[in-house]
Amino acid sequence: MVGAVSPEQVAALARQLLTQAMAGDLGAAELLLRYVCGRAVPVADPDQADLHELALLRQCPDVAELAAKGKVAPALGVWEILRQLARTPDELLDALSARMRELVEEARAQATPAEYLQLERLAEAAGIDDDEEGTDDGEG
């Protein structure tokens, strides 16, 4: 059917439709505008925007759950975990320091003697040497 109509005939038909629309034919105007401009998109109700956003959020899977399954971007997973760990910068630093101590202990348990010495130096440089924890304050 497409092959039966030439581009020139389609252009002539569009011009005729335009002529009818300009003469006041509302049906021709609607048809012409629908094909030229596309269908009108419903306008968002600003009073319902927050409710719509909340509904979308409720449909989303839990970021922490997805992060645990390895199905979320690492940065987003880290952000969600950090957000749950701490509400203030001090709480965040405390949580991160505690986690660093845990990781150092895990690494120490699996380290070779050479790696162990290197870990000790790194932990001391980072201020997470457990042997001297809390003693630096009174030695200054």
Protein backbone atom coordinates (compact mmCIF):
# COMPACT_ATOMS: atom_id res chain seq x y z
CA MET A 1 0.00 0.00 0.00
CA VAL A 2 2.88 2.39 0.76
CA GLY A 3 4.26 1.87 -2.73
CA ALA A 4 0.95 3.02 -4.26
CA VAL A 5 1.40 6.57 -2.95
CA SER A 6 4.26 8.76 -4.12
CA PRO A 7 6.01 11.32 -1.89
CA GLU A 8 4.56 14.06 -4.08
CA GLN A 9 1.03 12.74 -3.51
CA VAL A 10 1.60 12.64 0.26
CA ALA A 11 2.84 16.25 0.14
CA ALA A 12 -0.21 17.29 -1.92
CA LEU A 13 -2.51 15.57 0.58
CA ALA A 14 -0.79 17.36 3.47
CA ARG A 15 -1.22 20.69 1.67
CA GLN A 16 -4.93 19.94 1.13
CA LEU A 17 -5.31 19.01 4.81
CA LEU A 18 -3.60 22.29 5.75
CA THR A 19 -5.94 24.24 3.46
CA GLN A 20 -8.99 22.61 5.06
CA ALA A 21 -7.61 23.21 8.57
CA MET A 22 -6.94 26.87 7.80
CA ALA A 23 -10.49 27.17 6.46
CA GLY A 24 -11.84 26.17 9.89
CA ASP A 25 -12.25 22.39 9.56
CA LEU A 26 -11.48 21.30 13.15
CA GLY A 27 -11.20 17.63 12.22
CA ALA A 28 -8.57 18.46 9.57
CA ALA A 29 -6.77 20.74 12.04
CA GLU A 30 -6.71 18.03 14.71
CA LEU A 31 -5.46 15.39 12.28
CA LEU A 32 -2.80 17.71 10.86
CA LEU A 33 -1.55 18.77 14.29
CA ARG A 34 -1.54 15.19 15.59
CA TYR A 35 0.83 14.14 12.80
CA VAL A 36 2.92 17.32 12.75
CA CYS A 37 3.21 17.95 16.51
CA GLY A 38 2.31 14.60 18.01
CA ARG A 39 -0.31 13.85 20.62
CA ALA A 40 -0.58 16.19 23.56
CA VAL A 41 1.12 14.89 26.69
CA PRO A 42 -0.86 15.10 29.90
CA VAL A 43 0.38 17.92 32.10
CA ALA A 44 1.77 16.85 35.47
CA ASP A 45 -0.16 18.05 38.50
CA PRO A 46 2.40 19.88 40.69
CA ASP A 47 0.31 19.13 43.78
CA GLN A 48 0.70 15.40 43.12
CA ALA A 49 4.42 15.42 42.22
CA ASP A 50 5.63 14.38 45.68
CA LEU A 51 3.09 11.56 45.88
CA HIS A 52 4.12 10.34 42.45
CA GLU A 53 7.81 10.40 43.46
CA LEU A 54 7.02 8.50 46.67
CA ALA A 55 5.12 5.87 44.69
CA LEU A 56 8.12 5.43 42.38
CA LEU A 57 10.47 5.10 45.35
CA ARG A 58 8.26 2.44 46.92
CA GLN A 59 8.47 0.42 43.71
CA CYS A 60 12.29 0.50 43.72
CA PRO A 61 14.21 -2.37 45.26
CA ASP A 62 16.18 -1.69 48.45
CA VAL A 63 19.66 -0.39 47.55
CA ALA A 64 21.35 -2.07 50.52
CA GLU A 65 19.80 -5.42 49.56
CA LEU A 66 20.92 -5.05 45.95
CA ALA A 67 24.40 -4.00 47.05
CA ALA A 68 24.68 -7.14 49.16
CA LYS A 69 23.84 -9.18 46.06
CA GLY A 70 26.35 -7.23 43.97
CA LYS A 71 23.63 -5.88 41.68
CA VAL A 72 24.11 -2.15 42.19
CA ALA A 73 26.77 0.37 41.27
CA PRO A 74 29.45 0.23 43.99
CA ALA A 75 29.31 3.98 44.67
CA LEU A 76 25.55 3.87 45.24
CA GLY A 77 25.91 0.84 47.50
CA VAL A 78 28.64 2.55 49.52
CA TRP A 79 26.54 5.69 49.83
CA GLU A 80 23.56 3.72 51.14
CA ILE A 81 25.68 1.81 53.64
CA LEU A 82 27.37 4.99 54.87
CA ARG A 83 24.04 6.74 55.16
CA GLN A 84 22.78 3.95 57.42
CA LEU A 85 25.98 3.87 59.49
CA ALA A 86 26.17 7.49 60.49
CA ARG A 87 24.09 10.62 60.73
CA THR A 88 26.96 13.01 61.51
CA PRO A 89 30.53 13.36 60.18
CA ASP A 90 31.92 12.23 63.57
CA GLU A 91 29.76 9.09 63.51
CA LEU A 92 30.92 8.42 59.97
CA LEU A 93 34.60 8.76 60.93
CA ASP A 94 34.11 6.47 63.92
CA ALA A 95 32.36 3.85 61.76
CA LEU A 96 35.04 4.03 59.08
CA SER A 97 37.84 3.79 61.66
CA ALA A 98 36.22 0.76 63.26
CA ARG A 99 35.85 -0.91 59.86
CA MET A 100 39.48 -0.13 59.00
CA ARG A 101 40.58 -1.79 62.26
CA GLU A 102 38.50 -4.87 61.38
CA LEU A 103 40.04 -5.05 57.92
CA VAL A 104 43.56 -4.67 59.31
CA GLU A 105 42.92 -7.50 61.78
CA GLU A 106 41.58 -9.73 58.98
CA ALA A 107 44.62 -8.93 56.84
CA ARG A 108 47.00 -9.57 59.75
CA ALA A 109 45.45 -12.99 60.30
CA GLN A 110 46.14 -13.99 56.69
CA ALA A 111 49.44 -12.20 56.15
CA THR A 112 52.87 -13.68 55.64
CA PRO A 113 55.56 -12.38 58.03
CA ALA A 114 56.74 -9.79 55.48
CA GLU A 115 53.18 -8.68 54.78
CA TYR A 116 52.48 -8.54 58.51
CA LEU A 117 55.35 -6.10 59.07
CA GLN A 118 54.15 -3.96 56.18
CA LEU A 119 50.61 -3.96 57.58
CA GLU A 120 51.94 -2.89 60.98
CA ARG A 121 53.71 0.07 59.40
CA LEU A 122 50.65 1.05 57.38
CA ALA A 123 48.34 0.72 60.37
CA GLU A 124 50.66 2.84 62.50
CA ALA A 125 50.91 5.49 59.77
CA ALA A 126 47.13 5.54 59.47
CA GLY A 127 46.74 5.90 63.23
CA ILE A 128 44.90 2.60 63.66
CA ASP A 129 47.57 0.69 65.56
CA ASP A 130 45.47 -1.26 68.09
CA ASP A 131 48.37 -1.78 70.50
CA GLU A 132 48.64 1.93 71.22
CA GLU A 133 44.99 2.90 70.77
CA GLY A 134 43.99 5.64 73.15
CA THR A 135 47.55 6.17 74.53
CA ASP A 136 48.56 8.91 72.11
CA ASP A 137 46.38 11.51 73.89
CA GLY A 138 48.40 11.55 77.12
CA GLU A 139 51.88 11.33 75.59
CA GLY A 140 51.99 14.76 73.86
